[in-house]
Amino acid sequence: MSGINDFIDNEVKTNDVVLFMKGTPQFPQCGFSGQVVQILDYLGLDYKGINVLADGDLRQGIKDYSNWPTIPQLYVKGEFLGGCDIIREMFQSGELKTQLEEQGIAVRAA
């Protein structure tokens, strides 16, 4: 199990924005993952999508890592931001864009 935890930890810490999702950014395989991808794409973010469906250990491992029961999960600069509902609310309120900009992440001007 520690191998998966190390993998997740490395991805989260070496990429500014990481989305653990079902499917890929090009082909999301669940509606919630798709919604978060749409938000990130709308903001013009450079992010890494990691498909949890490709690996059962990863699918469980990310839930253990964050102590969060659902996927997708968005990480920014090593910190867990939230799942679909939280990201959608933050996006709609403008909080997501502000937080990204404060962390020095380029966001497309809306």
C-alpha atoms as a PDB file:
ATOM      1  CA  MET A   1       0.000   0.000   0.000  1.00  0.00           C
ATOM      2  CA  SER A   2       2.849   2.389   0.748  1.00  0.00           C
ATOM      3  CA  GLY A   3       3.867   2.275  -2.917  1.00  0.00           C
ATOM      4  CA  ILE A   4       0.545   3.790  -3.967  1.00  0.00           C
ATOM      5  CA  ASN A   5       0.735   6.356  -1.189  1.00  0.00           C
ATOM      6  CA  ASP A   6       4.231   7.362  -2.318  1.00  0.00           C
ATOM      7  CA  PHE A   7       3.022   7.606  -5.938  1.00  0.00           C
ATOM      8  CA  ILE A   8       0.091   9.848  -4.949  1.00  0.00           C
ATOM      9  CA  ASP A   9       2.274  11.960  -2.672  1.00  0.00           C
ATOM     10  CA  ASN A  10       4.813  12.454  -5.458  1.00  0.00           C
ATOM     11  CA  GLU A  11       2.144  13.431  -8.029  1.00  0.00           C
ATOM     12  CA  VAL A  12       0.509  15.870  -5.628  1.00  0.00           C
ATOM     13  CA  LYS A  13       3.805  17.481  -4.661  1.00  0.00           C
ATOM     14  CA  THR A  14       5.457  17.675  -8.092  1.00  0.00           C
ATOM     15  CA  ASN A  15       2.493  19.018 -10.095  1.00  0.00           C
ATOM     16  CA  ASP A  16       0.930  22.403  -9.318  1.00  0.00           C
ATOM     17  CA  VAL A  17      -2.555  21.189 -10.212  1.00  0.00           C
ATOM     18  CA  VAL A  18      -3.554  17.507 -10.195  1.00  0.00           C
ATOM     19  CA  LEU A  19      -6.984  16.025 -10.758  1.00  0.00           C
ATOM     20  CA  PHE A  20      -7.533  12.430  -9.685  1.00  0.00           C
ATOM     21  CA  MET A  21     -10.523  11.472 -11.800  1.00  0.00           C
ATOM     22  CA  LYS A  22     -12.464   8.688 -13.478  1.00  0.00           C
ATOM     23  CA  GLY A  23     -11.229   8.655 -17.061  1.00  0.00           C
ATOM     24  CA  THR A  24      -8.945  11.251 -18.612  1.00  0.00           C
ATOM     25  CA  PRO A  25      -9.321  15.002 -19.229  1.00  0.00           C
ATOM     26  CA  GLN A  26     -10.042  14.167 -22.888  1.00  0.00           C
ATOM     27  CA  PHE A  27     -12.516  11.381 -22.024  1.00  0.00           C
ATOM     28  CA  PRO A  28     -13.996  11.744 -18.534  1.00  0.00           C
ATOM     29  CA  GLN A  29     -15.830   8.578 -17.518  1.00  0.00           C
ATOM     30  CA  CYS A  30     -18.182  10.056 -14.965  1.00  0.00           C
ATOM     31  CA  GLY A  31     -20.259  13.215 -14.889  1.00  0.00           C
ATOM     32  CA  PHE A  32     -18.593  14.606 -11.769  1.00  0.00           C
ATOM     33  CA  SER A  33     -15.104  14.216 -13.212  1.00  0.00           C
ATOM     34  CA  GLY A  34     -16.395  15.795 -16.432  1.00  0.00           C
ATOM     35  CA  GLN A  35     -17.731  18.833 -14.578  1.00  0.00           C
ATOM     36  CA  VAL A  36     -14.403  19.497 -12.862  1.00  0.00           C
ATOM     37  CA  VAL A  37     -12.547  19.069 -16.179  1.00  0.00           C
ATOM     38  CA  GLN A  38     -14.888  21.651 -17.763  1.00  0.00           C
ATOM     39  CA  ILE A  39     -14.157  24.121 -14.959  1.00  0.00           C
ATOM     40  CA  LEU A  40     -10.384  23.625 -15.171  1.00  0.00           C
ATOM     41  CA  ASP A  41     -10.478  23.914 -18.954  1.00  0.00           C
ATOM     42  CA  TYR A  42     -12.634  27.035 -18.758  1.00  0.00           C
ATOM     43  CA  LEU A  43     -10.046  28.588 -16.445  1.00  0.00           C
ATOM     44  CA  GLY A  44      -7.347  27.591 -18.942  1.00  0.00           C
ATOM     45  CA  LEU A  45      -5.390  25.662 -16.337  1.00  0.00           C
ATOM     46  CA  ASP A  46      -2.385  23.536 -17.074  1.00  0.00           C
ATOM     47  CA  TYR A  47      -3.121  20.472 -14.975  1.00  0.00           C
ATOM     48  CA  LYS A  48      -2.425  16.762 -14.797  1.00  0.00           C
ATOM     49  CA  GLY A  49      -5.325  14.324 -14.905  1.00  0.00           C
ATOM     50  CA  ILE A  50      -4.766  10.911 -13.328  1.00  0.00           C
ATOM     51  CA  ASN A  51      -7.212   8.132 -14.201  1.00  0.00           C
ATOM     52  CA  VAL A  52      -8.072   6.163 -11.053  1.00  0.00           C
ATOM     53  CA  LEU A  53      -9.973   3.580 -13.113  1.00  0.00           C
ATOM     54  CA  ALA A  54      -6.660   2.354 -14.520  1.00  0.00           C
ATOM     55  CA  ASP A  55      -5.625   0.965 -11.123  1.00  0.00           C
ATOM     56  CA  GLY A  56      -7.811  -0.398  -8.313  1.00  0.00           C
ATOM     57  CA  ASP A  57      -5.120   0.282  -5.717  1.00  0.00           C
ATOM     58  CA  LEU A  58      -4.934   3.894  -6.848  1.00  0.00           C
ATOM     59  CA  ARG A  59      -8.719   4.240  -6.767  1.00  0.00           C
ATOM     60  CA  GLN A  60      -8.784   3.196  -3.101  1.00  0.00           C
ATOM     61  CA  GLY A  61      -5.425   4.777  -2.309  1.00  0.00           C
ATOM     62  CA  ILE A  62      -6.499   8.313  -3.211  1.00  0.00           C
ATOM     63  CA  LYS A  63      -9.538   8.005  -0.920  1.00  0.00           C
ATOM     64  CA  ASP A  64      -7.265   6.904   1.916  1.00  0.00           C
ATOM     65  CA  TYR A  65      -4.707   9.613   1.116  1.00  0.00           C
ATOM     66  CA  SER A  66      -7.214  12.455   1.317  1.00  0.00           C
ATOM     67  CA  ASN A  67      -9.620  10.816   3.733  1.00  0.00           C
ATOM     68  CA  TRP A  68     -12.292  11.848   1.201  1.00  0.00           C
ATOM     69  CA  PRO A  69     -14.753   9.178  -0.038  1.00  0.00           C
ATOM     70  CA  THR A  70     -15.400  10.326  -3.587  1.00  0.00           C
ATOM     71  CA  ILE A  71     -13.652  10.984  -6.893  1.00  0.00           C
ATOM     72  CA  PRO A  72     -12.767  13.379  -8.535  1.00  0.00           C
ATOM     73  CA  GLN A  73     -10.306  15.024  -6.170  1.00  0.00           C
ATOM     74  CA  LEU A  74      -8.461  18.225  -7.009  1.00  0.00           C
ATOM     75  CA  TYR A  75      -5.079  19.112  -5.535  1.00  0.00           C
ATOM     76  CA  VAL A  76      -3.401  22.487  -5.892  1.00  0.00           C
ATOM     77  CA  LYS A  77       0.210  23.015  -4.797  1.00  0.00           C
ATOM     78  CA  GLY A  78       0.126  19.858  -2.687  1.00  0.00           C
ATOM     79  CA  GLU A  79      -3.163  20.641  -0.936  1.00  0.00           C
ATOM     80  CA  PHE A  80      -6.476  18.846  -1.353  1.00  0.00           C
ATOM     81  CA  LEU A  81      -9.071  21.402  -2.480  1.00  0.00           C
ATOM     82  CA  GLY A  82     -12.107  19.189  -2.779  1.00  0.00           C
ATOM     83  CA  GLY A  83     -14.383  17.151  -4.966  1.00  0.00           C
ATOM     84  CA  CYS A  84     -16.900  18.124  -7.623  1.00  0.00           C
ATOM     85  CA  ASP A  85     -19.430  19.970  -5.430  1.00  0.00           C
ATOM     86  CA  ILE A  86     -16.788  22.004  -3.595  1.00  0.00           C
ATOM     87  CA  ILE A  87     -14.909  22.884  -6.787  1.00  0.00           C
ATOM     88  CA  ARG A  88     -18.162  23.888  -8.524  1.00  0.00           C
ATOM     89  CA  GLU A  89     -19.185  26.121  -5.603  1.00  0.00           C
ATOM     90  CA  MET A  90     -15.721  27.697  -5.420  1.00  0.00           C
ATOM     91  CA  PHE A  91     -15.792  28.288  -9.191  1.00  0.00           C
ATOM     92  CA  GLN A  92     -19.244  29.878  -9.156  1.00  0.00           C
ATOM     93  CA  SER A  93     -18.337  32.192  -6.276  1.00  0.00           C
ATOM     94  CA  GLY A  94     -15.032  33.212  -7.903  1.00  0.00           C
ATOM     95  CA  GLU A  95     -13.112  31.788  -4.952  1.00  0.00           C
ATOM     96  CA  LEU A  96     -11.396  29.114  -7.057  1.00  0.00           C
ATOM     97  CA  LYS A  97      -9.918  31.637  -9.511  1.00  0.00           C
ATOM     98  CA  THR A  98      -8.771  33.875  -6.648  1.00  0.00           C
ATOM     99  CA  GLN A  99      -7.162  30.998  -4.775  1.00  0.00           C
ATOM    100  CA  LEU A 100      -5.335  29.785  -7.877  1.00  0.00           C
ATOM    101  CA  GLU A 101      -4.044  33.275  -8.660  1.00  0.00           C
ATOM    102  CA  GLU A 102      -2.903  33.744  -5.058  1.00  0.00           C
ATOM    103  CA  GLN A 103      -0.866  30.540  -5.419  1.00  0.00           C
ATOM    104  CA  GLY A 104       0.765  31.861  -8.573  1.00  0.00           C
ATOM    105  CA  ILE A 105      -1.094  29.627 -11.001  1.00  0.00           C
ATOM    106  CA  ALA A 106      -1.927  31.160 -14.364  1.00  0.00           C
ATOM    107  CA  VAL A 107      -5.670  31.472 -14.962  1.00  0.00           C
ATOM    108  CA  ARG A 108      -7.308  32.649 -18.157  1.00  0.00           C
ATOM    109  CA  ALA A 109      -9.040  36.004 -17.753  1.00  0.00           C
ATOM    110  CA  ALA A 110     -12.796  35.442 -17.922  1.00  0.00           C
END
